[in-house]
Amino acid sequence: MAGFLTAWLVGWGAGESSALWVLWRALHGGEGPQALVMAVVVWTSLWTLGGVLAAAMLLRCLGAEDRLERQGEHQLVVRRWIPPDPPGHRD
């Protein structure tokens, strides 16, 4: 999963930079119809949200663990960030 998310985030970065370049040129050069500028703004906003969520999931894949715990009749998913080992720690 982490490999897929890393590859996806590389593509996301290319799409994000392309959209920001188009937006920059449209806003500062006066190029393009208003509808195109608004479409790029909406697309870039959603694309940015997707990238932030994918980056958060990547961090979760690399630095957290999920455990199922049972408390009475209920099962809970417990998420815990794995702290880095302290200096001088040996297995």
PDB file of N, CA and C in Angstrom:
ATOM      1  N   MET A   1       0.819  -1.188   0.000  1.00  0.00           N
ATOM      2  CA  MET A   1       0.000   0.000   0.000  1.00  0.00           C
ATOM      3  C   MET A   1       0.867   1.258   0.000  1.00  0.00           C
ATOM      4  N   ALA A   2       1.960   1.235   0.786  1.00  0.00           N
ATOM      5  CA  ALA A   2       2.818   2.419   0.866  1.00  0.00           C
ATOM      6  C   ALA A   2       3.481   2.699  -0.484  1.00  0.00           C
ATOM      7  N   GLY A   3       3.864   1.637  -1.209  1.00  0.00           N
ATOM      8  CA  GLY A   3       4.471   1.834  -2.525  1.00  0.00           C
ATOM      9  C   GLY A   3       3.505   2.463  -3.509  1.00  0.00           C
ATOM     10  N   PHE A   4       2.256   1.996  -3.504  1.00  0.00           N
ATOM     11  CA  PHE A   4       1.241   2.567  -4.380  1.00  0.00           C
ATOM     12  C   PHE A   4       0.994   4.034  -4.041  1.00  0.00           C
ATOM     13  N   LEU A   5       0.862   4.339  -2.750  1.00  0.00           N
ATOM     14  CA  LEU A   5       0.613   5.722  -2.350  1.00  0.00           C
ATOM     15  C   LEU A   5       1.782   6.632  -2.710  1.00  0.00           C
ATOM     16  N   THR A   6       2.999   6.112  -2.587  1.00  0.00           N
ATOM     17  CA  THR A   6       4.169   6.910  -2.960  1.00  0.00           C
ATOM     18  C   THR A   6       4.144   7.220  -4.451  1.00  0.00           C
ATOM     19  N   ALA A   7       3.863   6.199  -5.274  1.00  0.00           N
ATOM     20  CA  ALA A   7       3.777   6.410  -6.728  1.00  0.00           C
ATOM     21  C   ALA A   7       2.641   7.371  -7.063  1.00  0.00           C
ATOM     22  N   TRP A   8       1.512   7.226  -6.383  1.00  0.00           N
ATOM     23  CA  TRP A   8       0.376   8.098  -6.640  1.00  0.00           C
ATOM     24  C   TRP A   8       0.717   9.546  -6.272  1.00  0.00           C
ATOM     25  N   LEU A   9       1.437   9.728  -5.172  1.00  0.00           N
ATOM     26  CA  LEU A   9       1.796  11.080  -4.752  1.00  0.00           C
ATOM     27  C   LEU A   9       2.781  11.736  -5.717  1.00  0.00           C
ATOM     28  N   VAL A  10       3.623  10.944  -6.372  1.00  0.00           N
ATOM     29  CA  VAL A  10       4.502  11.514  -7.406  1.00  0.00           C
ATOM     30  C   VAL A  10       3.653  12.057  -8.554  1.00  0.00           C
ATOM     31  N   GLY A  11       2.679  11.267  -9.009  1.00  0.00           N
ATOM     32  CA  GLY A  11       1.756  11.744 -10.046  1.00  0.00           C
ATOM     33  C   GLY A  11       0.926  12.915  -9.575  1.00  0.00           C
ATOM     34  N   TRP A  12       0.546  12.880  -8.306  1.00  0.00           N
ATOM     35  CA  TRP A  12      -0.224  13.987  -7.733  1.00  0.00           C
ATOM     36  C   TRP A  12       0.587  15.280  -7.802  1.00  0.00           C
ATOM     37  N   GLY A  13       1.874  15.184  -7.473  1.00  0.00           N
ATOM     38  CA  GLY A  13       2.724  16.380  -7.512  1.00  0.00           C
ATOM     39  C   GLY A  13       2.811  16.955  -8.917  1.00  0.00           C
ATOM     40  N   ALA A  14       2.893  16.081  -9.917  1.00  0.00           N
ATOM     41  CA  ALA A  14       2.930  16.562 -11.303  1.00  0.00           C
ATOM     42  C   ALA A  14       1.615  17.242 -11.668  1.00  0.00           C
ATOM     43  N   GLY A  15       0.492  16.638 -11.296  1.00  0.00           N
ATOM     44  CA  GLY A  15      -0.805  17.245 -11.584  1.00  0.00           C
ATOM     45  C   GLY A  15      -1.017  18.544 -10.835  1.00  0.00           C
ATOM     46  N   GLU A  16      -0.567  18.583  -9.590  1.00  0.00           N
ATOM     47  CA  GLU A  16      -0.702  19.803  -8.783  1.00  0.00           C
ATOM     48  C   GLU A  16       0.104  20.950  -9.379  1.00  0.00           C
ATOM     49  N   SER A  17       1.338  20.666  -9.763  1.00  0.00           N
ATOM     50  CA  SER A  17       2.173  21.731 -10.330  1.00  0.00           C
ATOM     51  C   SER A  17       1.625  22.197 -11.672  1.00  0.00           C
ATOM     52  N   SER A  18       1.099  21.272 -12.467  1.00  0.00           N
ATOM     53  CA  SER A  18       0.507  21.675 -13.753  1.00  0.00           C
ATOM     54  C   SER A  18      -0.706  22.567 -13.551  1.00  0.00           C
ATOM     55  N   ALA A  19      -1.571  22.183 -12.628  1.00  0.00           N
ATOM     56  CA  ALA A  19      -2.772  22.979 -12.373  1.00  0.00           C
ATOM     57  C   ALA A  19      -2.419  24.350 -11.811  1.00  0.00           C
ATOM     58  N   LEU A  20      -1.441  24.409 -10.921  1.00  0.00           N
ATOM     59  CA  LEU A  20      -1.037  25.708 -10.372  1.00  0.00           C
ATOM     60  C   LEU A  20      -0.396  26.586 -11.440  1.00  0.00           C
ATOM     61  N   TRP A  21       0.337  25.977 -12.361  1.00  0.00           N
ATOM     62  CA  TRP A  21       0.922  26.750 -13.468  1.00  0.00           C
ATOM     63  C   TRP A  21      -0.173  27.336 -14.356  1.00  0.00           C
ATOM     64  N   VAL A  22      -1.169  26.532 -14.689  1.00  0.00           N
ATOM     65  CA  VAL A  22      -2.291  27.014 -15.506  1.00  0.00           C
ATOM     66  C   VAL A  22      -3.022  28.122 -14.766  1.00  0.00           C
ATOM     67  N   LEU A  23      -3.240  27.937 -13.493  1.00  0.00           N
ATOM     68  CA  LEU A  23      -3.937  28.943 -12.691  1.00  0.00           C
ATOM     69  C   LEU A  23      -3.139  30.234 -12.603  1.00  0.00           C
ATOM     70  N   TRP A  24      -1.844  30.121 -12.396  1.00  0.00           N
ATOM     71  CA  TRP A  24      -0.981  31.303 -12.336  1.00  0.00           C
ATOM     72  C   TRP A  24      -1.036  32.088 -13.644  1.00  0.00           C
ATOM     73  N   ARG A  25      -0.915  31.381 -14.747  1.00  0.00           N
ATOM     74  CA  ARG A  25      -0.949  32.056 -16.052  1.00  0.00           C
ATOM     75  C   ARG A  25      -2.300  32.693 -16.311  1.00  0.00           C
ATOM     76  N   ALA A  26      -3.375  32.017 -15.922  1.00  0.00           N
ATOM     77  CA  ALA A  26      -4.712  32.552 -16.155  1.00  0.00           C
ATOM     78  C   ALA A  26      -4.969  33.792 -15.306  1.00  0.00           C
ATOM     79  N   LEU A  27      -4.486  33.791 -14.065  1.00  0.00           N
ATOM     80  CA  LEU A  27      -4.745  34.929 -13.181  1.00  0.00           C
ATOM     81  C   LEU A  27      -3.844  36.116 -13.475  1.00  0.00           C
ATOM     82  N   HIS A  28      -2.590  35.861 -13.832  1.00  0.00           N
ATOM     83  CA  HIS A  28      -1.662  36.970 -14.048  1.00  0.00           C
ATOM     84  C   HIS A  28      -1.514  37.377 -15.502  1.00  0.00           C
ATOM     85  N   GLY A  29      -1.931  36.530 -16.406  1.00  0.00           N
ATOM     86  CA  GLY A  29      -1.824  36.870 -17.813  1.00  0.00           C
ATOM     87  C   GLY A  29      -3.152  37.256 -18.421  1.00  0.00           C
ATOM     88  N   GLY A  30      -4.219  37.055 -17.672  1.00  0.00           N
ATOM     89  CA  GLY A  30      -5.542  37.376 -18.195  1.00  0.00           C
ATOM     90  C   GLY A  30      -5.973  36.427 -19.301  1.00  0.00           C
ATOM     91  N   GLU A  31      -5.344  35.261 -19.373  1.00  0.00           N
ATOM     92  CA  GLU A  31      -5.660  34.318 -20.438  1.00  0.00           C
ATOM     93  C   GLU A  31      -6.774  33.378 -19.998  1.00  0.00           C
ATOM     94  N   GLY A  32      -7.583  32.980 -20.932  1.00  0.00           N
ATOM     95  CA  GLY A  32      -8.593  31.968 -20.684  1.00  0.00           C
ATOM     96  C   GLY A  32      -9.905  32.560 -20.213  1.00  0.00           C
ATOM     97  N   PRO A  33     -10.990  31.891 -20.562  1.00  0.00           N
ATOM     98  CA  PRO A  33     -12.308  32.346 -20.122  1.00  0.00           C
ATOM     99  C   PRO A  33     -12.498  32.127 -18.623  1.00  0.00           C
ATOM    100  N   GLN A  34     -13.401  32.894 -18.063  1.00  0.00           N
ATOM    101  CA  GLN A  34     -13.684  32.837 -16.633  1.00  0.00           C
ATOM    102  C   GLN A  34     -14.107  31.434 -16.191  1.00  0.00           C
ATOM    103  N   ALA A  35     -14.885  30.747 -17.031  1.00  0.00           N
ATOM    104  CA  ALA A  35     -15.349  29.400 -16.672  1.00  0.00           C
ATOM    105  C   ALA A  35     -14.168  28.432 -16.559  1.00  0.00           C
ATOM    106  N   LEU A  36     -13.181  28.580 -17.420  1.00  0.00           N
ATOM    107  CA  LEU A  36     -12.004  27.715 -17.357  1.00  0.00           C
ATOM    108  C   LEU A  36     -11.225  27.966 -16.069  1.00  0.00           C
ATOM    109  N   VAL A  37     -11.071  29.221 -15.710  1.00  0.00           N
ATOM    110  CA  VAL A  37     -10.358  29.561 -14.475  1.00  0.00           C
ATOM    111  C   VAL A  37     -11.080  28.971 -13.269  1.00  0.00           C
ATOM    112  N   MET A  38     -12.390  29.079 -13.225  1.00  0.00           N
ATOM    113  CA  MET A  38     -13.151  28.534 -12.101  1.00  0.00           C
ATOM    114  C   MET A  38     -13.066  27.009 -12.065  1.00  0.00           C
ATOM    115  N   ALA A  39     -13.083  26.376 -13.223  1.00  0.00           N
ATOM    116  CA  ALA A  39     -12.955  24.918 -13.272  1.00  0.00           C
ATOM    117  C   ALA A  39     -11.591  24.481 -12.744  1.00  0.00           C
ATOM    118  N   VAL A  40     -10.544  25.206 -13.095  1.00  0.00           N
ATOM    119  CA  VAL A  40      -9.209  24.872 -12.605  1.00  0.00           C
ATOM    120  C   VAL A  40      -9.115  25.109 -11.100  1.00  0.00           C
ATOM    121  N   VAL A  41      -9.741  26.153 -10.593  1.00  0.00           N
ATOM    122  CA  VAL A  41      -9.737  26.416  -9.147  1.00  0.00           C
ATOM    123  C   VAL A  41     -10.427  25.272  -8.399  1.00  0.00           C
ATOM    124  N   VAL A  42     -11.588  24.850  -8.881  1.00  0.00           N
ATOM    125  CA  VAL A  42     -12.317  23.760  -8.230  1.00  0.00           C
ATOM    126  C   VAL A  42     -11.511  22.466  -8.320  1.00  0.00           C
ATOM    127  N   TRP A  43     -10.977  22.166  -9.503  1.00  0.00           N
ATOM    128  CA  TRP A  43     -10.204  20.935  -9.692  1.00  0.00           C
ATOM    129  C   TRP A  43      -8.967  20.930  -8.803  1.00  0.00           C
ATOM    130  N   THR A  44      -8.259  22.052  -8.742  1.00  0.00           N
ATOM    131  CA  THR A  44      -7.056  22.123  -7.919  1.00  0.00           C
ATOM    132  C   THR A  44      -7.393  21.968  -6.442  1.00  0.00           C
ATOM    133  N   SER A  45      -8.497  22.532  -6.001  1.00  0.00           N
ATOM    134  CA  SER A  45      -8.906  22.384  -4.604  1.00  0.00           C
ATOM    135  C   SER A  45      -9.171  20.927  -4.253  1.00  0.00           C
ATOM    136  N   LEU A  46      -9.922  20.238  -5.097  1.00  0.00           N
ATOM    137  CA  LEU A  46     -10.212  18.830  -4.841  1.00  0.00           C
ATOM    138  C   LEU A  46      -8.962  17.972  -4.971  1.00  0.00           C
ATOM    139  N   TRP A  47      -8.116  18.286  -5.944  1.00  0.00           N
ATOM    140  CA  TRP A  47      -6.875  17.544  -6.145  1.00  0.00           C
ATOM    141  C   TRP A  47      -5.954  17.712  -4.934  1.00  0.00           C
ATOM    142  N   THR A  48      -5.895  18.924  -4.396  1.00  0.00           N
ATOM    143  CA  THR A  48      -5.077  19.182  -3.213  1.00  0.00           C
ATOM    144  C   THR A  48      -5.609  18.397  -2.017  1.00  0.00           C
ATOM    145  N   LEU A  49      -6.910  18.382  -1.832  1.00  0.00           N
ATOM    146  CA  LEU A  49      -7.516  17.615  -0.745  1.00  0.00           C
ATOM    147  C   LEU A  49      -7.172  16.129  -0.887  1.00  0.00           C
ATOM    148  N   GLY A  50      -7.272  15.597  -2.090  1.00  0.00           N
ATOM    149  CA  GLY A  50      -6.917  14.203  -2.329  1.00  0.00           C
ATOM    150  C   GLY A  50      -5.460  13.917  -1.997  1.00  0.00           C
ATOM    151  N   GLY A  51      -4.571  14.835  -2.352  1.00  0.00           N
ATOM    152  CA  GLY A  51      -3.155  14.652  -2.048  1.00  0.00           C
ATOM    153  C   GLY A  51      -2.863  14.695  -0.564  1.00  0.00           C
ATOM    154  N   VAL A  52      -3.522  15.583   0.139  1.00  0.00           N
ATOM    155  CA  VAL A  52      -3.324  15.669   1.588  1.00  0.00           C
ATOM    156  C   VAL A  52      -3.815  14.394   2.268  1.00  0.00           C
ATOM    157  N   LEU A  53      -4.961  13.889   1.837  1.00  0.00           N
ATOM    158  CA  LEU A  53      -5.483  12.651   2.417  1.00  0.00           C
ATOM    159  C   LEU A  53      -4.589  11.454   2.081  1.00  0.00           C
ATOM    160  N   ALA A  54      -4.066  11.407   0.861  1.00  0.00           N
ATOM    161  CA  ALA A  54      -3.157  10.318   0.487  1.00  0.00           C
ATOM    162  C   ALA A  54      -1.860  10.393   1.285  1.00  0.00           C
ATOM    163  N   ALA A  55      -1.343  11.601   1.503  1.00  0.00           N
ATOM    164  CA  ALA A  55      -0.122  11.755   2.300  1.00  0.00           C
ATOM    165  C   ALA A  55      -0.364  11.331   3.748  1.00  0.00           C
ATOM    166  N   ALA A  56      -1.532  11.670   4.284  1.00  0.00           N
ATOM    167  CA  ALA A  56      -1.868  11.245   5.649  1.00  0.00           C
ATOM    168  C   ALA A  56      -1.969   9.723   5.735  1.00  0.00           C
ATOM    169  N   MET A  57      -2.545   9.103   4.717  1.00  0.00           N
ATOM    170  CA  MET A  57      -2.647   7.645   4.706  1.00  0.00           C
ATOM    171  C   MET A  57      -1.271   7.002   4.574  1.00  0.00           C
ATOM    172  N   LEU A  58      -0.394   7.616   3.780  1.00  0.00           N
ATOM    173  CA  LEU A  58       0.967   7.101   3.653  1.00  0.00           C
ATOM    174  C   LEU A  58       1.687   7.153   5.000  1.00  0.00           C
ATOM    175  N   LEU A  59       1.560   8.271   5.697  1.00  0.00           N
ATOM    176  CA  LEU A  59       2.166   8.377   7.021  1.00  0.00           C
ATOM    177  C   LEU A  59       1.588   7.354   7.983  1.00  0.00           C
ATOM    178  N   ARG A  60       0.297   7.121   7.866  1.00  0.00           N
ATOM    179  CA  ARG A  60      -0.340   6.121   8.721  1.00  0.00           C
ATOM    180  C   ARG A  60       0.171   4.724   8.392  1.00  0.00           C
ATOM    181  N   CYS A  61       0.367   4.431   7.114  1.00  0.00           N
ATOM    182  CA  CYS A  61       0.889   3.112   6.716  1.00  0.00           C
ATOM    183  C   CYS A  61       2.316   2.913   7.224  1.00  0.00           C
ATOM    184  N   LEU A  62       3.091   3.967   7.208  1.00  0.00           N
ATOM    185  CA  LEU A  62       4.494   3.838   7.583  1.00  0.00           C
ATOM    186  C   LEU A  62       4.748   3.982   9.076  1.00  0.00           C
ATOM    187  N   GLY A  63       3.880   4.680   9.784  1.00  0.00           N
ATOM    188  CA  GLY A  63       4.205   4.986  11.171  1.00  0.00           C
ATOM    189  C   GLY A  63       3.131   4.714  12.189  1.00  0.00           C
ATOM    190  N   ALA A  64       2.196   3.821  11.884  1.00  0.00           N
ATOM    191  CA  ALA A  64       1.144   3.528  12.853  1.00  0.00           C
ATOM    192  C   ALA A  64       0.804   2.049  12.791  1.00  0.00           C
ATOM    193  N   GLU A  65       0.119   1.606  13.826  1.00  0.00           N
ATOM    194  CA  GLU A  65      -0.363   0.234  13.825  1.00  0.00           C
ATOM    195  C   GLU A  65      -1.810   0.224  14.266  1.00  0.00           C
ATOM    196  N   ASP A  66      -2.574  -0.710  13.722  1.00  0.00           N
ATOM    197  CA  ASP A  66      -3.963  -0.906  14.114  1.00  0.00           C
ATOM    198  C   ASP A  66      -4.072  -2.240  14.837  1.00  0.00           C
ATOM    199  N   ARG A  67      -4.782  -2.241  15.934  1.00  0.00           N
ATOM    200  CA  ARG A  67      -5.012  -3.482  16.674  1.00  0.00           C
ATOM    201  C   ARG A  67      -6.494  -3.599  16.977  1.00  0.00           C
ATOM    202  N   LEU A  68      -6.995  -4.814  16.945  1.00  0.00           N
ATOM    203  CA  LEU A  68      -8.368  -5.071  17.370  1.00  0.00           C
ATOM    204  C   LEU A  68      -8.341  -5.456  18.839  1.00  0.00           C
ATOM    205  N   GLU A  69      -9.139  -4.784  19.628  1.00  0.00           N
ATOM    206  CA  GLU A  69      -9.247  -5.107  21.042  1.00  0.00           C
ATOM    207  C   GLU A  69     -10.705  -5.375  21.365  1.00  0.00           C
ATOM    208  N   ARG A  70     -10.890  -6.248  22.279  1.00  0.00           N
ATOM    209  CA  ARG A  70     -12.245  -6.598  22.687  1.00  0.00           C
ATOM    210  C   ARG A  70     -12.480  -6.070  24.097  1.00  0.00           C
ATOM    211  N   GLN A  71     -13.544  -5.314  24.254  1.00  0.00           N
ATOM    212  CA  GLN A  71     -13.938  -4.817  25.568  1.00  0.00           C
ATOM    213  C   GLN A  71     -15.397  -5.215  25.781  1.00  0.00           C
ATOM    214  N   GLY A  72     -15.570  -6.246  26.557  1.00  0.00           N
ATOM    215  CA  GLY A  72     -16.932  -6.761  26.740  1.00  0.00           C
ATOM    216  C   GLY A  72     -17.411  -7.399  25.454  1.00  0.00           C
ATOM    217  N   GLU A  73     -18.531  -6.933  24.968  1.00  0.00           N
ATOM    218  CA  GLU A  73     -19.098  -7.472  23.731  1.00  0.00           C
ATOM    219  C   GLU A  73     -18.723  -6.644  22.514  1.00  0.00           C
ATOM    220  N   HIS A  74     -17.910  -5.639  22.683  1.00  0.00           N
ATOM    221  CA  HIS A  74     -17.576  -4.735  21.585  1.00  0.00           C
ATOM    222  C   HIS A  74     -16.139  -4.953  21.132  1.00  0.00           C
ATOM    223  N   GLN A  75     -15.951  -4.836  19.837  1.00  0.00           N
ATOM    224  CA  GLN A  75     -14.590  -4.852  19.302  1.00  0.00           C
ATOM    225  C   GLN A  75     -14.225  -3.433  18.900  1.00  0.00           C
ATOM    226  N   LEU A  76     -13.035  -3.031  19.247  1.00  0.00           N
ATOM    227  CA  LEU A  76     -12.560  -1.694  18.947  1.00  0.00           C
ATOM    228  C   LEU A  76     -11.313  -1.785  18.087  1.00  0.00           C
ATOM    229  N   VAL A  77     -11.177  -0.846  17.178  1.00  0.00           N
ATOM    230  CA  VAL A  77      -9.930  -0.711  16.441  1.00  0.00           C
ATOM    231  C   VAL A  77      -9.133   0.375  17.135  1.00  0.00           C
ATOM    232  N   VAL A  78      -7.964   0.019  17.605  1.00  0.00           N
ATOM    233  CA  VAL A  78      -7.113   0.968  18.312  1.00  0.00           C
ATOM    234  C   VAL A  78      -5.960   1.327  17.387  1.00  0.00           C
ATOM    235  N   ARG A  79      -5.827   2.610  17.076  1.00  0.00           N
ATOM    236  CA  ARG A  79      -4.726   3.092  16.254  1.00  0.00           C
ATOM    237  C   ARG A  79      -3.697   3.724  17.164  1.00  0.00           C
ATOM    238  N   ARG A  80      -2.456   3.412  16.896  1.00  0.00           N
ATOM    239  CA  ARG A  80      -1.388   3.951  17.716  1.00  0.00           C
ATOM    240  C   ARG A  80      -0.232   4.332  16.811  1.00  0.00           C
ATOM    241  N   TRP A  81       0.262   5.540  16.988  1.00  0.00           N
ATOM    242  CA  TRP A  81       1.460   5.953  16.261  1.00  0.00           C
ATOM    243  C   TRP A  81       2.646   5.282  16.905  1.00  0.00           C
ATOM    244  N   ILE A  82       3.482   4.718  16.078  1.00  0.00           N
ATOM    245  CA  ILE A  82       4.660   4.025  16.578  1.00  0.00           C
ATOM    246  C   ILE A  82       5.752   5.066  16.782  1.00  0.00           C
ATOM    247  N   PRO A  83       6.141   5.308  18.019  1.00  0.00           N
ATOM    248  CA  PRO A  83       7.191   6.308  18.231  1.00  0.00           C
ATOM    249  C   PRO A  83       8.543   5.750  17.775  1.00  0.00           C
ATOM    250  N   PRO A  84       9.419   6.619  17.324  1.00  0.00           N
ATOM    251  CA  PRO A  84      10.750   6.138  16.954  1.00  0.00           C
ATOM    252  C   PRO A  84      11.488   5.623  18.187  1.00  0.00           C
ATOM    253  N   ASP A  85      12.401   4.703  17.955  1.00  0.00           N
ATOM    254  CA  ASP A  85      13.189   4.171  19.068  1.00  0.00           C
ATOM    255  C   ASP A  85      14.055   5.270  19.657  1.00  0.00           C
ATOM    256  N   PRO A  86      14.189   5.286  20.982  1.00  0.00           N
ATOM    257  CA  PRO A  86      15.053   6.289  21.603  1.00  0.00           C
ATOM    258  C   PRO A  86      16.507   6.030  21.247  1.00  0.00           C
ATOM    259  N   PRO A  87      17.333   7.047  21.324  1.00  0.00           N
ATOM    260  CA  PRO A  87      18.754   6.846  21.017  1.00  0.00           C
ATOM    261  C   PRO A  87      19.363   5.772  21.912  1.00  0.00           C
ATOM    262  N   GLY A  88      20.179   4.918  21.334  1.00  0.00           N
ATOM    263  CA  GLY A  88      20.837   3.863  22.085  1.00  0.00           C
ATOM    264  C   GLY A  88      19.994   2.628  22.279  1.00  0.00           C
ATOM    265  N   HIS A  89      18.793   2.589  21.701  1.00  0.00           N
ATOM    266  CA  HIS A  89      17.909   1.431  21.852  1.00  0.00           C
ATOM    267  C   HIS A  89      18.435   0.261  21.037  1.00  0.00           C
ATOM    268  N   ARG A  90      18.403  -0.920  21.636  1.00  0.00           N
ATOM    269  CA  ARG A  90      18.817  -2.150  20.926  1.00  0.00           C
ATOM    270  C   ARG A  90      17.720  -3.177  21.043  1.00  0.00           C
ATOM    271  N   ASP A  91      17.512  -3.913  19.965  1.00  0.00           N
ATOM    272  CA  ASP A  91      16.504  -5.007  19.994  1.00  0.00           C
ATOM    273  C   ASP A  91      17.070  -6.218  20.683  1.00  0.00           C
TER     274      ASP A  91
END
